[in-house]
Protein backbone atom coordinates (compact mmCIF):
# COMPACT_ATOMS: atom_id res chain seq x y z
CA MET A 1 -16.66 40.24 32.00
CA ARG A 2 -17.82 38.44 28.84
CA GLN A 3 -20.49 41.01 28.12
CA LEU A 4 -18.14 43.91 28.80
CA LEU A 5 -15.45 42.81 26.34
CA SER A 6 -18.04 41.83 23.76
CA SER A 7 -19.86 45.15 23.99
CA LEU A 8 -16.59 47.09 23.95
CA SER A 9 -15.82 45.42 20.63
CA TYR A 10 -18.93 47.08 19.22
CA PHE A 11 -18.43 50.37 21.08
CA SER A 12 -14.87 50.57 19.80
CA ILE A 13 -16.29 52.31 16.74
CA PHE A 14 -15.82 55.43 18.88
CA PHE A 15 -12.15 54.95 19.78
CA ALA A 16 -10.41 52.14 17.83
CA PRO A 17 -12.71 50.76 15.13
CA PHE A 18 -10.38 48.16 13.65
CA LEU A 19 -7.69 47.65 16.22
CA PHE A 20 -9.69 46.73 19.33
CA PRO A 21 -11.92 44.01 17.77
CA ILE A 22 -8.89 42.42 16.10
CA ILE A 23 -6.97 42.30 19.39
CA VAL A 24 -9.96 40.89 21.28
CA TRP A 25 -10.63 38.33 18.53
CA ILE A 26 -7.02 37.11 18.59
CA VAL A 27 -6.52 37.15 22.37
CA ALA A 28 -9.93 35.92 23.57
CA ARG A 29 -10.13 32.27 24.46
CA ASP A 30 -13.88 32.37 24.99
CA GLU A 31 -15.89 31.65 21.83
CA TYR A 32 -18.64 34.04 22.90
CA ILE A 33 -16.23 36.99 23.11
CA ALA A 34 -14.33 36.01 19.96
CA GLY A 35 -17.58 35.66 18.01
CA HIS A 36 -18.78 39.12 18.99
CA ALA A 37 -15.35 40.61 18.29
CA LYS A 38 -15.40 39.07 14.81
CA ARG A 39 -18.91 40.39 14.12
CA ALA A 40 -17.93 43.83 15.42
CA LEU A 41 -14.87 43.86 13.18
CA LEU A 42 -16.97 42.95 10.15
CA SER A 43 -19.50 45.65 10.97
CA HIS A 44 -16.66 48.20 11.27
CA VAL A 45 -15.08 47.12 7.96
CA PHE A 46 -18.31 46.81 5.94
CA PRO A 47 -18.84 50.54 5.19
CA PHE A 48 -15.32 50.81 3.80
CA LEU A 49 -15.76 47.71 1.67
CA ALA A 50 -19.01 49.18 0.39
CA ALA A 51 -17.15 52.40 -0.42
CA ILE A 52 -14.94 50.67 -3.00
CA PRO A 53 -17.65 50.20 -5.66
CA LEU A 54 -19.25 53.49 -4.64
CA LEU A 55 -15.94 55.26 -5.22
CA TYR A 56 -15.70 53.66 -8.65
CA PHE A 57 -19.24 54.75 -9.48
CA LEU A 58 -18.46 58.24 -8.17
CA VAL A 59 -15.42 58.58 -10.43
CA THR A 60 -17.17 57.22 -13.50
CA SER A 61 -20.46 59.07 -13.01
CA GLN A 62 -21.51 61.36 -15.83
CA SER A 63 -23.50 63.87 -13.81
CA VAL A 64 -23.15 65.78 -10.58
CA GLY A 65 -26.49 64.47 -9.33
CA SER A 66 -25.41 60.85 -9.45
CA ALA A 67 -22.07 61.74 -7.82
CA VAL A 68 -23.90 63.42 -4.95
CA GLY A 69 -26.19 60.40 -4.71
CA PHE A 70 -23.23 58.04 -4.30
CA VAL A 71 -21.74 60.22 -1.58
CA VAL A 72 -25.09 60.32 0.23
CA LEU A 73 -25.40 56.55 -0.12
CA PHE A 74 -21.99 56.07 1.50
CA PHE A 75 -22.97 58.25 4.46
CA VAL A 76 -26.25 56.37 4.84
CA ILE A 77 -24.41 53.03 4.88
CA TYR A 78 -21.83 54.35 7.36
CA GLY A 79 -24.53 55.88 9.58
CA LEU A 80 -26.54 52.66 9.66
CA SER A 81 -23.42 50.70 10.53
CA PHE A 82 -22.64 53.18 13.30
CA VAL A 83 -26.15 52.85 14.76
CA TYR A 84 -25.99 49.04 14.42
CA ASN A 85 -22.79 48.94 16.48
CA ILE A 86 -24.28 51.09 19.22
CA VAL A 87 -27.48 49.03 19.40
CA LYS A 88 -25.59 45.72 19.33
CA GLY A 89 -23.20 46.92 22.05
CA ILE A 90 -26.12 47.83 24.30
CA GLN A 91 -27.86 44.49 23.60
CA VAL A 92 -24.76 42.49 24.46
CA LEU A 93 -24.14 44.55 27.59
CA ARG A 94 -27.68 43.86 28.81
CA GLU A 95 -27.49 40.07 28.32
CA TYR A 96 -27.48 37.93 31.44
CA TYR A 97 -25.41 34.77 31.79
C-alpha cells in the first residue's frame, strides 16, 4: 500500500498533477508516503516555476531566435520533469518493504 500511494503521487502527472500529491501529503500519516508525495509535488511544480523567468526572457527578447530558444527550453524542462516522474513512480512501485 505504501508503494502504491507513493508511486501514484508521481504518476498523478497524468491525471491530477497538483491536487493528488497535495492531498496525499496532507492526509498521509506515514513519513515514507508523505515524503514521496512532497517530492512528487515539487517535481510537478518545478517546470512552472522555471517558466516564470523564461516567460520574462521571452517577453524581453530582442530576436525571434532567442524567443524560440526559450520556448524550446521550457518544453525540454517540462519533458525531463515528465520523464523523471514516470521513472520515479516505477522505481517506488518496484521497491520491496
